[in-house]
N, C-alpha and C. Protein backbone atom coordinates (compact mmCIF):
# COMPACT_ATOMS: atom_id res chain seq x y z
N MET A 1 -39.14 -47.85 -10.94
CA MET A 1 -38.41 -47.28 -12.08
C MET A 1 -37.10 -48.04 -12.26
N ALA A 2 -36.86 -48.48 -13.49
CA ALA A 2 -35.67 -49.28 -13.78
C ALA A 2 -34.41 -48.42 -13.67
N LYS A 3 -33.37 -49.04 -13.07
CA LYS A 3 -32.12 -48.33 -12.93
C LYS A 3 -31.38 -48.31 -14.28
N GLN A 4 -30.67 -47.20 -14.52
CA GLN A 4 -29.84 -47.09 -15.73
C GLN A 4 -28.54 -47.82 -15.46
N LEU A 5 -28.27 -48.89 -16.20
CA LEU A 5 -27.09 -49.72 -15.96
C LEU A 5 -25.82 -49.15 -16.56
N LEU A 6 -25.96 -48.37 -17.64
CA LEU A 6 -24.80 -47.80 -18.32
C LEU A 6 -24.99 -46.30 -18.50
N PRO A 7 -23.89 -45.55 -18.63
CA PRO A 7 -24.01 -44.13 -18.92
C PRO A 7 -24.81 -43.92 -20.22
N ALA A 8 -25.57 -42.85 -20.27
CA ALA A 8 -26.46 -42.61 -21.40
C ALA A 8 -25.71 -42.56 -22.73
N ALA A 9 -24.53 -41.93 -22.75
CA ALA A 9 -23.78 -41.81 -24.00
C ALA A 9 -23.31 -43.18 -24.51
N LEU A 10 -22.90 -44.03 -23.58
CA LEU A 10 -22.45 -45.37 -23.97
C LEU A 10 -23.63 -46.21 -24.46
N SER A 11 -24.75 -46.11 -23.79
CA SER A 11 -25.95 -46.84 -24.21
C SER A 11 -26.39 -46.39 -25.60
N ALA A 12 -26.30 -45.10 -25.86
CA ALA A 12 -26.69 -44.57 -27.17
C ALA A 12 -25.78 -45.12 -28.26
N LEU A 13 -24.47 -45.20 -27.98
CA LEU A 13 -23.52 -45.74 -28.97
C LEU A 13 -23.82 -47.22 -29.23
N ILE A 14 -24.11 -47.97 -28.19
CA ILE A 14 -24.45 -49.39 -28.34
C ILE A 14 -25.70 -49.55 -29.21
N ASP A 15 -26.67 -48.71 -28.95
CA ASP A 15 -27.92 -48.78 -29.73
C ASP A 15 -27.67 -48.50 -31.20
N GLU A 16 -26.85 -47.50 -31.49
CA GLU A 16 -26.57 -47.13 -32.89
C GLU A 16 -25.76 -48.22 -33.59
N LEU A 17 -24.77 -48.77 -32.90
CA LEU A 17 -23.98 -49.85 -33.49
C LEU A 17 -24.84 -51.08 -33.74
N GLY A 18 -25.80 -51.30 -32.86
CA GLY A 18 -26.69 -52.45 -33.00
C GLY A 18 -27.61 -52.36 -34.21
N ARG A 19 -27.72 -51.18 -34.79
CA ARG A 19 -28.54 -51.01 -35.99
C ARG A 19 -27.84 -51.55 -37.25
N LEU A 20 -26.53 -51.74 -37.16
CA LEU A 20 -25.78 -52.21 -38.32
C LEU A 20 -26.12 -53.67 -38.60
N PRO A 21 -26.20 -54.05 -39.89
CA PRO A 21 -26.53 -55.44 -40.23
C PRO A 21 -25.46 -56.40 -39.73
N GLY A 22 -25.90 -57.48 -39.14
CA GLY A 22 -24.97 -58.49 -38.66
C GLY A 22 -24.36 -58.20 -37.31
N VAL A 23 -24.71 -57.07 -36.71
CA VAL A 23 -24.17 -56.71 -35.39
C VAL A 23 -25.24 -56.93 -34.34
N GLY A 24 -25.06 -57.96 -33.53
CA GLY A 24 -26.01 -58.24 -32.47
C GLY A 24 -25.74 -57.37 -31.25
N ALA A 25 -26.57 -57.56 -30.21
CA ALA A 25 -26.47 -56.75 -29.00
C ALA A 25 -25.10 -56.89 -28.31
N ARG A 26 -24.62 -58.12 -28.17
CA ARG A 26 -23.34 -58.33 -27.49
C ARG A 26 -22.18 -57.77 -28.30
N THR A 27 -22.23 -57.95 -29.62
CA THR A 27 -21.16 -57.41 -30.48
C THR A 27 -21.16 -55.89 -30.41
N ALA A 28 -22.35 -55.28 -30.41
CA ALA A 28 -22.45 -53.82 -30.31
C ALA A 28 -21.85 -53.34 -28.99
N GLU A 29 -22.09 -54.08 -27.91
CA GLU A 29 -21.54 -53.71 -26.61
C GLU A 29 -20.01 -53.76 -26.64
N ARG A 30 -19.46 -54.82 -27.26
CA ARG A 30 -17.99 -54.96 -27.33
C ARG A 30 -17.38 -53.83 -28.15
N TYR A 31 -18.00 -53.51 -29.29
CA TYR A 31 -17.50 -52.43 -30.13
C TYR A 31 -17.52 -51.10 -29.38
N ALA A 32 -18.62 -50.83 -28.71
CA ALA A 32 -18.77 -49.56 -28.00
C ALA A 32 -17.75 -49.47 -26.86
N TYR A 33 -17.57 -50.56 -26.14
CA TYR A 33 -16.62 -50.56 -25.03
C TYR A 33 -15.20 -50.40 -25.54
N TYR A 34 -14.90 -50.97 -26.70
CA TYR A 34 -13.57 -50.83 -27.30
C TYR A 34 -13.30 -49.37 -27.64
N VAL A 35 -14.30 -48.70 -28.23
CA VAL A 35 -14.16 -47.29 -28.56
C VAL A 35 -13.94 -46.47 -27.29
N LEU A 36 -14.68 -46.81 -26.23
CA LEU A 36 -14.55 -46.09 -24.96
C LEU A 36 -13.16 -46.24 -24.37
N LYS A 37 -12.61 -47.46 -24.43
CA LYS A 37 -11.29 -47.73 -23.84
C LYS A 37 -10.15 -47.15 -24.66
N SER A 38 -10.39 -46.95 -25.95
CA SER A 38 -9.33 -46.45 -26.84
C SER A 38 -9.10 -44.97 -26.63
N GLU A 39 -8.04 -44.47 -27.24
CA GLU A 39 -7.75 -43.04 -27.17
C GLU A 39 -8.87 -42.26 -27.84
N PRO A 40 -9.18 -41.08 -27.36
CA PRO A 40 -10.25 -40.26 -27.95
C PRO A 40 -10.08 -40.06 -29.45
N ARG A 41 -8.82 -40.09 -29.91
CA ARG A 41 -8.56 -39.88 -31.34
C ARG A 41 -9.25 -40.93 -32.21
N LEU A 42 -9.36 -42.17 -31.70
CA LEU A 42 -10.01 -43.23 -32.46
C LEU A 42 -11.48 -42.89 -32.72
N GLY A 43 -12.16 -42.45 -31.66
CA GLY A 43 -13.56 -42.10 -31.81
C GLY A 43 -13.76 -40.92 -32.74
N GLU A 44 -12.83 -39.96 -32.67
CA GLU A 44 -12.93 -38.79 -33.54
C GLU A 44 -12.73 -39.19 -35.00
N GLN A 45 -11.75 -40.06 -35.25
CA GLN A 45 -11.49 -40.51 -36.62
C GLN A 45 -12.66 -41.32 -37.16
N LEU A 46 -13.23 -42.15 -36.30
CA LEU A 46 -14.38 -42.96 -36.70
C LEU A 46 -15.56 -42.06 -37.06
N ALA A 47 -15.81 -41.05 -36.24
CA ALA A 47 -16.92 -40.14 -36.48
C ALA A 47 -16.72 -39.36 -37.78
N LYS A 48 -15.48 -38.92 -38.03
CA LYS A 48 -15.18 -38.17 -39.25
C LYS A 48 -15.34 -39.05 -40.49
N SER A 49 -14.91 -40.31 -40.39
CA SER A 49 -15.02 -41.23 -41.52
C SER A 49 -16.48 -41.49 -41.88
N ILE A 50 -17.31 -41.66 -40.85
CA ILE A 50 -18.74 -41.89 -41.08
C ILE A 50 -19.38 -40.67 -41.73
N GLU A 51 -18.99 -39.49 -41.27
CA GLU A 51 -19.54 -38.25 -41.83
C GLU A 51 -19.12 -38.08 -43.29
N LYS A 52 -17.86 -38.40 -43.60
CA LYS A 52 -17.35 -38.23 -44.96
C LYS A 52 -18.01 -39.20 -45.94
N VAL A 53 -18.45 -40.36 -45.47
CA VAL A 53 -19.08 -41.34 -46.35
C VAL A 53 -20.28 -40.72 -47.07
N HIS A 54 -21.00 -39.85 -46.38
CA HIS A 54 -22.19 -39.25 -46.97
C HIS A 54 -21.86 -38.04 -47.84
N SER A 55 -20.81 -37.32 -47.51
CA SER A 55 -20.50 -36.10 -48.24
C SER A 55 -19.48 -36.29 -49.36
N GLN A 56 -18.69 -37.35 -49.32
CA GLN A 56 -17.60 -37.50 -50.28
C GLN A 56 -17.71 -38.76 -51.14
N VAL A 57 -18.84 -39.42 -51.10
CA VAL A 57 -19.05 -40.60 -51.94
C VAL A 57 -20.35 -40.42 -52.72
N LYS A 58 -20.34 -40.79 -54.00
CA LYS A 58 -21.54 -40.73 -54.82
C LYS A 58 -21.56 -41.90 -55.79
N GLN A 59 -22.65 -42.04 -56.52
CA GLN A 59 -22.78 -43.10 -57.53
C GLN A 59 -22.30 -42.60 -58.88
N CYS A 60 -21.62 -43.46 -59.60
CA CYS A 60 -21.25 -43.15 -60.98
C CYS A 60 -22.54 -43.07 -61.80
N PRO A 61 -22.74 -42.03 -62.59
CA PRO A 61 -23.97 -41.89 -63.36
C PRO A 61 -24.09 -42.88 -64.52
N VAL A 62 -23.00 -43.58 -64.83
CA VAL A 62 -23.01 -44.54 -65.94
C VAL A 62 -23.10 -45.97 -65.43
N THR A 63 -22.20 -46.32 -64.50
CA THR A 63 -22.11 -47.71 -64.03
C THR A 63 -22.82 -47.93 -62.70
N PHE A 64 -23.09 -46.85 -61.97
CA PHE A 64 -23.69 -46.88 -60.63
C PHE A 64 -22.78 -47.52 -59.59
N ALA A 65 -21.48 -47.56 -59.91
CA ALA A 65 -20.48 -47.93 -58.90
C ALA A 65 -20.30 -46.75 -57.96
N LEU A 66 -19.70 -46.99 -56.81
CA LEU A 66 -19.42 -45.90 -55.87
C LEU A 66 -18.11 -45.23 -56.25
N ILE A 67 -18.13 -43.88 -56.31
CA ILE A 67 -16.95 -43.13 -56.70
C ILE A 67 -16.78 -41.93 -55.77
N ASP A 68 -15.60 -41.30 -55.84
CA ASP A 68 -15.37 -40.08 -55.07
C ASP A 68 -16.28 -38.97 -55.60
N ALA A 69 -16.71 -38.12 -54.71
CA ALA A 69 -17.64 -37.05 -55.08
C ALA A 69 -17.06 -36.13 -56.16
N ASP A 70 -15.73 -36.03 -56.24
CA ASP A 70 -15.09 -35.15 -57.22
C ASP A 70 -14.97 -35.79 -58.61
N ASP A 71 -15.18 -37.10 -58.70
CA ASP A 71 -15.04 -37.79 -59.99
C ASP A 71 -16.32 -37.66 -60.81
N ASP A 72 -16.16 -37.68 -62.13
CA ASP A 72 -17.32 -37.62 -63.02
C ASP A 72 -17.92 -39.00 -63.25
N VAL A 73 -17.05 -39.97 -63.53
CA VAL A 73 -17.48 -41.36 -63.73
C VAL A 73 -16.48 -42.29 -63.07
N SER A 74 -16.84 -43.56 -62.98
CA SER A 74 -15.94 -44.56 -62.40
C SER A 74 -14.68 -44.70 -63.24
N ASN A 75 -13.53 -44.79 -62.58
CA ASN A 75 -12.28 -44.98 -63.33
C ASN A 75 -12.21 -46.35 -64.00
N LEU A 76 -13.03 -47.27 -63.55
CA LEU A 76 -13.09 -48.58 -64.21
C LEU A 76 -13.87 -48.51 -65.52
N TYR A 77 -14.57 -47.40 -65.72
CA TYR A 77 -15.27 -47.18 -66.98
C TYR A 77 -14.48 -46.23 -67.88
N SER A 78 -13.88 -45.21 -67.30
CA SER A 78 -13.15 -44.23 -68.10
C SER A 78 -11.78 -44.73 -68.55
N ASP A 79 -11.24 -45.73 -67.89
CA ASP A 79 -9.93 -46.29 -68.26
C ASP A 79 -9.96 -46.81 -69.70
N PRO A 80 -9.13 -46.26 -70.59
CA PRO A 80 -9.14 -46.70 -71.99
C PRO A 80 -8.71 -48.15 -72.19
N ASP A 81 -8.05 -48.72 -71.19
CA ASP A 81 -7.61 -50.11 -71.29
C ASP A 81 -8.71 -51.12 -70.94
N ARG A 82 -9.84 -50.62 -70.40
CA ARG A 82 -10.95 -51.53 -70.07
C ARG A 82 -11.80 -51.75 -71.32
N ASP A 83 -12.25 -52.99 -71.48
CA ASP A 83 -13.07 -53.36 -72.63
C ASP A 83 -14.53 -53.01 -72.37
N LYS A 84 -15.00 -51.93 -73.01
CA LYS A 84 -16.37 -51.47 -72.78
C LYS A 84 -17.41 -52.35 -73.47
N THR A 85 -16.97 -53.28 -74.31
CA THR A 85 -17.94 -54.15 -74.99
C THR A 85 -18.34 -55.34 -74.12
N ILE A 86 -17.73 -55.45 -72.94
CA ILE A 86 -18.09 -56.50 -71.98
C ILE A 86 -18.52 -55.85 -70.68
N ILE A 87 -19.70 -56.21 -70.19
CA ILE A 87 -20.21 -55.65 -68.94
C ILE A 87 -20.55 -56.78 -67.97
N ALA A 88 -19.99 -56.70 -66.78
CA ALA A 88 -20.38 -57.61 -65.70
C ALA A 88 -21.50 -56.93 -64.92
N VAL A 89 -22.66 -57.55 -64.91
CA VAL A 89 -23.82 -56.98 -64.23
C VAL A 89 -23.87 -57.55 -62.81
N VAL A 90 -23.74 -56.68 -61.82
CA VAL A 90 -23.71 -57.10 -60.42
C VAL A 90 -24.85 -56.45 -59.64
N GLU A 91 -25.10 -56.98 -58.46
CA GLU A 91 -26.19 -56.45 -57.64
C GLU A 91 -25.79 -55.18 -56.90
N GLU A 92 -24.64 -55.21 -56.25
CA GLU A 92 -24.23 -54.11 -55.38
C GLU A 92 -22.79 -53.67 -55.68
N PRO A 93 -22.43 -52.43 -55.33
CA PRO A 93 -21.09 -51.92 -55.63
C PRO A 93 -19.94 -52.77 -55.07
N LEU A 94 -20.10 -53.35 -53.87
CA LEU A 94 -19.01 -54.14 -53.29
C LEU A 94 -18.73 -55.41 -54.08
N ASP A 95 -19.68 -55.84 -54.92
CA ASP A 95 -19.44 -57.00 -55.77
C ASP A 95 -18.33 -56.69 -56.79
N ILE A 96 -18.22 -55.43 -57.18
CA ILE A 96 -17.15 -55.02 -58.10
C ILE A 96 -15.80 -55.26 -57.45
N VAL A 97 -15.68 -54.88 -56.19
CA VAL A 97 -14.42 -55.07 -55.47
C VAL A 97 -14.03 -56.54 -55.46
N ALA A 98 -15.00 -57.41 -55.22
CA ALA A 98 -14.72 -58.85 -55.16
C ALA A 98 -14.19 -59.37 -56.49
N ILE A 99 -14.82 -58.96 -57.59
CA ILE A 99 -14.38 -59.43 -58.91
C ILE A 99 -13.02 -58.84 -59.27
N GLU A 100 -12.80 -57.56 -58.97
CA GLU A 100 -11.53 -56.92 -59.30
C GLU A 100 -10.36 -57.59 -58.59
N ARG A 101 -10.61 -58.10 -57.40
CA ARG A 101 -9.53 -58.74 -56.64
C ARG A 101 -9.03 -60.01 -57.31
N THR A 102 -9.81 -60.59 -58.20
CA THR A 102 -9.36 -61.79 -58.90
C THR A 102 -8.27 -61.46 -59.90
N GLY A 103 -8.25 -60.21 -60.40
CA GLY A 103 -7.28 -59.84 -61.43
C GLY A 103 -7.52 -60.55 -62.74
N ASN A 104 -8.73 -61.07 -62.91
CA ASN A 104 -9.03 -61.92 -64.06
C ASN A 104 -10.12 -61.34 -64.94
N TYR A 105 -10.35 -60.04 -64.82
CA TYR A 105 -11.44 -59.43 -65.59
C TYR A 105 -11.03 -58.03 -66.03
N ASN A 106 -11.27 -57.73 -67.31
CA ASN A 106 -10.84 -56.44 -67.86
C ASN A 106 -11.98 -55.69 -68.55
N GLY A 107 -13.22 -56.10 -68.28
CA GLY A 107 -14.35 -55.39 -68.86
C GLY A 107 -14.81 -54.29 -67.93
N THR A 108 -16.05 -53.86 -68.10
CA THR A 108 -16.62 -52.83 -67.23
C THR A 108 -17.73 -53.44 -66.39
N TYR A 109 -18.41 -52.60 -65.63
CA TYR A 109 -19.44 -53.09 -64.70
C TYR A 109 -20.74 -52.29 -64.84
N HIS A 110 -21.80 -52.92 -64.34
CA HIS A 110 -23.07 -52.21 -64.20
C HIS A 110 -23.73 -52.71 -62.93
N VAL A 111 -23.98 -51.79 -62.00
CA VAL A 111 -24.59 -52.14 -60.72
C VAL A 111 -26.10 -51.97 -60.82
N LEU A 112 -26.82 -53.04 -60.59
CA LEU A 112 -28.28 -52.99 -60.66
C LEU A 112 -28.89 -52.24 -59.49
N GLY A 113 -28.22 -52.27 -58.36
CA GLY A 113 -28.77 -51.63 -57.16
C GLY A 113 -29.65 -52.57 -56.36
N GLY A 114 -29.41 -53.88 -56.51
CA GLY A 114 -30.20 -54.86 -55.77
C GLY A 114 -30.58 -56.03 -56.65
N ALA A 115 -31.51 -56.82 -56.18
CA ALA A 115 -32.01 -57.97 -56.92
C ALA A 115 -33.53 -58.03 -56.77
N ILE A 116 -34.18 -58.65 -57.73
CA ILE A 116 -35.63 -58.76 -57.69
C ILE A 116 -36.05 -59.61 -56.49
N SER A 117 -36.88 -59.04 -55.64
CA SER A 117 -37.34 -59.72 -54.44
C SER A 117 -38.72 -59.21 -54.08
N PRO A 118 -39.77 -59.85 -54.59
CA PRO A 118 -41.14 -59.40 -54.32
C PRO A 118 -41.46 -59.28 -52.84
N ILE A 119 -40.90 -60.18 -52.02
CA ILE A 119 -41.19 -60.16 -50.59
C ILE A 119 -40.65 -58.89 -49.93
N ASP A 120 -39.58 -58.31 -50.54
CA ASP A 120 -39.01 -57.08 -50.02
C ASP A 120 -39.50 -55.85 -50.79
N GLY A 121 -40.43 -56.08 -51.70
CA GLY A 121 -40.96 -54.98 -52.48
C GLY A 121 -40.03 -54.45 -53.55
N VAL A 122 -39.08 -55.28 -53.99
CA VAL A 122 -38.14 -54.88 -55.03
C VAL A 122 -38.49 -55.57 -56.33
N GLY A 123 -38.90 -54.77 -57.32
CA GLY A 123 -39.22 -55.29 -58.64
C GLY A 123 -38.24 -54.77 -59.66
N PRO A 124 -38.37 -55.19 -60.91
CA PRO A 124 -37.45 -54.74 -61.97
C PRO A 124 -37.40 -53.23 -62.10
N GLU A 125 -38.54 -52.57 -61.82
CA GLU A 125 -38.59 -51.11 -61.98
C GLU A 125 -37.72 -50.38 -60.96
N GLN A 126 -37.30 -51.07 -59.88
CA GLN A 126 -36.43 -50.44 -58.90
C GLN A 126 -34.94 -50.59 -59.25
N LEU A 127 -34.65 -51.38 -60.26
CA LEU A 127 -33.26 -51.66 -60.64
C LEU A 127 -32.83 -50.81 -61.83
N HIS A 128 -31.51 -50.70 -62.01
CA HIS A 128 -30.97 -49.87 -63.10
C HIS A 128 -30.92 -50.65 -64.41
N ILE A 129 -32.06 -51.18 -64.82
CA ILE A 129 -32.13 -51.96 -66.05
C ILE A 129 -32.25 -51.06 -67.28
N PRO A 130 -33.06 -50.00 -67.28
CA PRO A 130 -33.11 -49.12 -68.46
C PRO A 130 -31.75 -48.54 -68.82
N GLU A 131 -30.98 -48.18 -67.80
CA GLU A 131 -29.64 -47.63 -68.04
C GLU A 131 -28.72 -48.69 -68.64
N LEU A 132 -28.93 -49.96 -68.25
CA LEU A 132 -28.13 -51.04 -68.81
C LEU A 132 -28.42 -51.19 -70.30
N LEU A 133 -29.70 -51.13 -70.67
CA LEU A 133 -30.07 -51.24 -72.09
C LEU A 133 -29.46 -50.10 -72.89
N GLU A 134 -29.43 -48.92 -72.30
CA GLU A 134 -28.84 -47.76 -72.99
C GLU A 134 -27.36 -47.96 -73.22
N ARG A 135 -26.68 -48.53 -72.23
CA ARG A 135 -25.24 -48.79 -72.37
C ARG A 135 -24.96 -49.84 -73.42
N ILE A 136 -25.81 -50.85 -73.52
CA ILE A 136 -25.62 -51.89 -74.53
C ILE A 136 -25.56 -51.27 -75.91
N ALA A 137 -26.45 -50.31 -76.15
CA ALA A 137 -26.50 -49.64 -77.46
C ALA A 137 -25.35 -48.65 -77.62
N THR A 138 -25.11 -47.84 -76.59
CA THR A 138 -24.10 -46.78 -76.68
C THR A 138 -22.69 -47.33 -76.84
N ASP A 139 -22.35 -48.37 -76.09
CA ASP A 139 -20.99 -48.92 -76.10
C ASP A 139 -20.84 -50.14 -77.00
N SER A 140 -21.85 -50.44 -77.81
CA SER A 140 -21.81 -51.61 -78.72
C SER A 140 -21.39 -52.86 -77.97
N VAL A 141 -22.07 -53.12 -76.86
CA VAL A 141 -21.72 -54.23 -75.99
C VAL A 141 -21.93 -55.57 -76.68
N LYS A 142 -20.93 -56.46 -76.54
CA LYS A 142 -20.99 -57.78 -77.16
C LYS A 142 -21.39 -58.87 -76.16
N GLU A 143 -21.04 -58.66 -74.89
CA GLU A 143 -21.32 -59.70 -73.88
C GLU A 143 -21.74 -59.09 -72.55
N LEU A 144 -22.79 -59.66 -71.98
CA LEU A 144 -23.20 -59.34 -70.62
C LEU A 144 -22.88 -60.54 -69.75
N ILE A 145 -22.07 -60.34 -68.73
CA ILE A 145 -21.82 -61.39 -67.74
C ILE A 145 -22.78 -61.13 -66.59
N ILE A 146 -23.79 -61.97 -66.46
CA ILE A 146 -24.76 -61.78 -65.39
C ILE A 146 -24.14 -62.32 -64.10
N ALA A 147 -23.58 -61.41 -63.31
CA ALA A 147 -22.83 -61.79 -62.11
C ALA A 147 -23.62 -61.50 -60.84
N THR A 148 -24.91 -61.77 -60.88
CA THR A 148 -25.72 -61.63 -59.67
C THR A 148 -25.39 -62.77 -58.71
N ASN A 149 -25.76 -62.61 -57.46
CA ASN A 149 -25.41 -63.60 -56.44
C ASN A 149 -26.10 -64.94 -56.67
N ALA A 150 -25.48 -65.98 -56.14
CA ALA A 150 -26.03 -67.33 -56.26
C ALA A 150 -27.07 -67.56 -55.18
N SER A 151 -28.13 -66.77 -55.25
CA SER A 151 -29.23 -66.87 -54.30
C SER A 151 -30.53 -66.95 -55.10
N VAL A 152 -31.64 -67.18 -54.41
CA VAL A 152 -32.93 -67.22 -55.11
C VAL A 152 -33.19 -65.89 -55.81
N GLU A 153 -32.92 -64.79 -55.11
CA GLU A 153 -33.14 -63.47 -55.69
C GLU A 153 -32.19 -63.21 -56.86
N GLY A 154 -30.93 -63.62 -56.70
CA GLY A 154 -29.96 -63.42 -57.76
C GLY A 154 -30.30 -64.21 -59.01
N GLU A 155 -30.72 -65.46 -58.80
CA GLU A 155 -31.10 -66.31 -59.94
C GLU A 155 -32.35 -65.76 -60.63
N SER A 156 -33.30 -65.27 -59.85
CA SER A 156 -34.52 -64.70 -60.42
C SER A 156 -34.19 -63.47 -61.26
N THR A 157 -33.28 -62.66 -60.76
CA THR A 157 -32.87 -61.46 -61.48
C THR A 157 -32.17 -61.81 -62.78
N ALA A 158 -31.29 -62.82 -62.74
CA ALA A 158 -30.59 -63.25 -63.94
C ALA A 158 -31.58 -63.77 -64.99
N LEU A 159 -32.55 -64.55 -64.55
CA LEU A 159 -33.56 -65.10 -65.47
C LEU A 159 -34.39 -63.97 -66.07
N PHE A 160 -34.76 -63.01 -65.23
CA PHE A 160 -35.55 -61.88 -65.74
C PHE A 160 -34.77 -61.11 -66.80
N LEU A 161 -33.48 -60.83 -66.54
CA LEU A 161 -32.67 -60.10 -67.50
C LEU A 161 -32.55 -60.84 -68.82
N GLN A 162 -32.36 -62.15 -68.72
CA GLN A 162 -32.25 -62.96 -69.93
C GLN A 162 -33.51 -62.85 -70.77
N ARG A 163 -34.66 -63.06 -70.14
CA ARG A 163 -35.93 -63.01 -70.86
C ARG A 163 -36.22 -61.61 -71.40
N PHE A 164 -35.97 -60.61 -70.56
CA PHE A 164 -36.29 -59.22 -70.92
C PHE A 164 -35.47 -58.78 -72.14
N ILE A 165 -34.19 -59.07 -72.11
CA ILE A 165 -33.30 -58.66 -73.21
C ILE A 165 -33.63 -59.43 -74.49
N ASN A 166 -33.95 -60.71 -74.35
CA ASN A 166 -34.33 -61.51 -75.53
C ASN A 166 -35.63 -60.99 -76.14
N GLU A 167 -36.59 -60.65 -75.28
CA GLU A 167 -37.88 -60.14 -75.77
C GLU A 167 -37.71 -58.80 -76.47
N LYS A 168 -36.71 -58.03 -76.07
CA LYS A 168 -36.44 -56.74 -76.71
C LYS A 168 -35.72 -56.91 -78.05
N GLY A 169 -35.30 -58.14 -78.33
CA GLY A 169 -34.60 -58.41 -79.59
C GLY A 169 -33.20 -57.82 -79.63
N ILE A 170 -32.59 -57.64 -78.47
CA ILE A 170 -31.24 -57.06 -78.41
C ILE A 170 -30.21 -58.15 -78.68
N ASP A 171 -29.33 -57.88 -79.62
CA ASP A 171 -28.32 -58.85 -80.03
C ASP A 171 -27.07 -58.71 -79.16
N VAL A 172 -27.04 -59.45 -78.07
CA VAL A 172 -25.88 -59.44 -77.18
C VAL A 172 -25.77 -60.82 -76.54
N ALA A 173 -24.54 -61.31 -76.43
CA ALA A 173 -24.31 -62.60 -75.78
C ALA A 173 -24.48 -62.43 -74.28
N MET A 174 -25.12 -63.39 -73.65
CA MET A 174 -25.29 -63.35 -72.19
C MET A 174 -24.71 -64.61 -71.57
N THR A 175 -23.85 -64.40 -70.58
CA THR A 175 -23.26 -65.52 -69.86
C THR A 175 -23.54 -65.34 -68.38
N ARG A 176 -23.37 -66.42 -67.62
CA ARG A 176 -23.66 -66.41 -66.18
C ARG A 176 -22.47 -67.00 -65.45
N LEU A 177 -22.08 -66.41 -64.33
CA LEU A 177 -21.02 -67.02 -63.53
C LEU A 177 -21.43 -68.44 -63.20
N ALA A 178 -20.54 -69.38 -63.48
CA ALA A 178 -20.93 -70.79 -63.38
C ALA A 178 -20.37 -71.47 -62.14
N ARG A 179 -19.37 -72.30 -62.31
CA ARG A 179 -18.88 -73.11 -61.20
C ARG A 179 -18.11 -72.28 -60.19
N GLY A 180 -18.13 -72.77 -58.98
CA GLY A 180 -17.31 -72.14 -57.96
C GLY A 180 -18.06 -71.30 -56.95
N ILE A 181 -19.24 -70.77 -57.31
CA ILE A 181 -19.98 -69.94 -56.37
C ILE A 181 -21.05 -70.79 -55.69
N PRO A 182 -20.90 -71.13 -54.43
CA PRO A 182 -21.91 -71.94 -53.75
C PRO A 182 -23.23 -71.18 -53.61
N VAL A 183 -24.32 -71.91 -53.66
CA VAL A 183 -25.64 -71.29 -53.48
C VAL A 183 -25.71 -70.68 -52.08
N GLY A 184 -26.20 -69.46 -52.02
CA GLY A 184 -26.36 -68.78 -50.75
C GLY A 184 -25.19 -67.92 -50.32
N VAL A 185 -24.11 -67.91 -51.13
CA VAL A 185 -22.93 -67.11 -50.79
C VAL A 185 -22.88 -65.87 -51.68
N ASP A 186 -22.83 -64.68 -51.07
CA ASP A 186 -22.73 -63.43 -51.83
C ASP A 186 -21.32 -63.25 -52.39
N LEU A 187 -21.21 -62.56 -53.52
CA LEU A 187 -19.91 -62.34 -54.15
C LEU A 187 -18.92 -61.66 -53.20
N GLU A 188 -19.44 -60.77 -52.38
CA GLU A 188 -18.59 -60.01 -51.46
C GLU A 188 -17.75 -60.92 -50.57
N TYR A 189 -18.28 -62.12 -50.26
CA TYR A 189 -17.61 -63.01 -49.32
C TYR A 189 -16.93 -64.19 -49.99
N ALA A 190 -16.97 -64.24 -51.32
CA ALA A 190 -16.32 -65.33 -52.04
C ALA A 190 -14.82 -65.05 -52.14
N ASP A 191 -14.00 -66.11 -52.10
CA ASP A 191 -12.56 -65.90 -52.18
C ASP A 191 -12.13 -65.72 -53.64
N GLN A 192 -10.90 -65.26 -53.83
CA GLN A 192 -10.42 -64.90 -55.17
C GLN A 192 -10.33 -66.10 -56.10
N ILE A 193 -9.89 -67.25 -55.60
CA ILE A 193 -9.77 -68.43 -56.44
C ILE A 193 -11.14 -68.88 -56.92
N THR A 194 -12.11 -68.89 -56.01
CA THR A 194 -13.46 -69.28 -56.37
C THR A 194 -14.02 -68.38 -57.46
N LEU A 195 -13.83 -67.07 -57.30
CA LEU A 195 -14.33 -66.12 -58.29
C LEU A 195 -13.61 -66.26 -59.62
N SER A 196 -12.31 -66.54 -59.59
CA SER A 196 -11.56 -66.72 -60.83
C SER A 196 -12.11 -67.90 -61.62
N HIS A 197 -12.36 -69.02 -60.92
CA HIS A 197 -12.93 -70.20 -61.58
C HIS A 197 -14.31 -69.89 -62.14
N ALA A 198 -15.08 -69.13 -61.40
CA ALA A 198 -16.44 -68.80 -61.84
C ALA A 198 -16.40 -67.94 -63.10
N LEU A 199 -15.46 -67.00 -63.16
CA LEU A 199 -15.33 -66.16 -64.36
C LEU A 199 -14.89 -66.99 -65.56
N GLU A 200 -13.91 -67.86 -65.34
CA GLU A 200 -13.40 -68.69 -66.43
C GLU A 200 -14.45 -69.68 -66.94
N GLY A 201 -15.31 -70.14 -66.02
CA GLY A 201 -16.29 -71.16 -66.39
C GLY A 201 -17.68 -70.64 -66.65
N ARG A 202 -17.79 -69.33 -66.93
CA ARG A 202 -19.13 -68.78 -67.19
C ARG A 202 -19.73 -69.46 -68.42
N ARG A 203 -21.07 -69.57 -68.40
CA ARG A 203 -21.77 -70.31 -69.43
C ARG A 203 -22.83 -69.45 -70.10
N SER A 204 -23.22 -69.84 -71.28
CA SER A 204 -24.25 -69.11 -72.01
C SER A 204 -25.61 -69.33 -71.37
N LEU A 205 -26.46 -68.32 -71.47
CA LEU A 205 -27.81 -68.43 -70.93
C LEU A 205 -28.76 -68.91 -72.03
């Protein structure tokens, strides 16, 4: 029978941390040991924050951005100073944070909820595309900035949106983030200068 090398509670914490994306076994061990060595208050605060994420965060019913549970819609949509005729279409909510940090965009957003990836079983029907079409009509949208990631999936999604909207005969300008975003880099990890150049250099589809 194999000996238990670590206390059960510590092993359980390591296992749970190891489930997080990008966290390997050794990193999970370091995180868990750090929590153990820290004051109990740190672990309590961490546990409370994780619990609140599920109870106090929800999706905006219009933009599908993440908002406080008490809010009706995203403040980036309800703000009268934001230009509702321009929509930046992104894959995930954190992409909004990346673009906002540039300080170079005053339109609104629409989160698709992912990108088309047949290998992962994600097709157009899993994305918030019908809601996007509804917003184009409701808000008299003039421009869609297709701000999906510079990846195979992101490019496929952008191409699908272009074709789909054109086939529907919807009169809206479509642009794509152009220079500055290296292939394979997600918006979440792009720096502010790179994103600013990409916004300024967006091109027609």
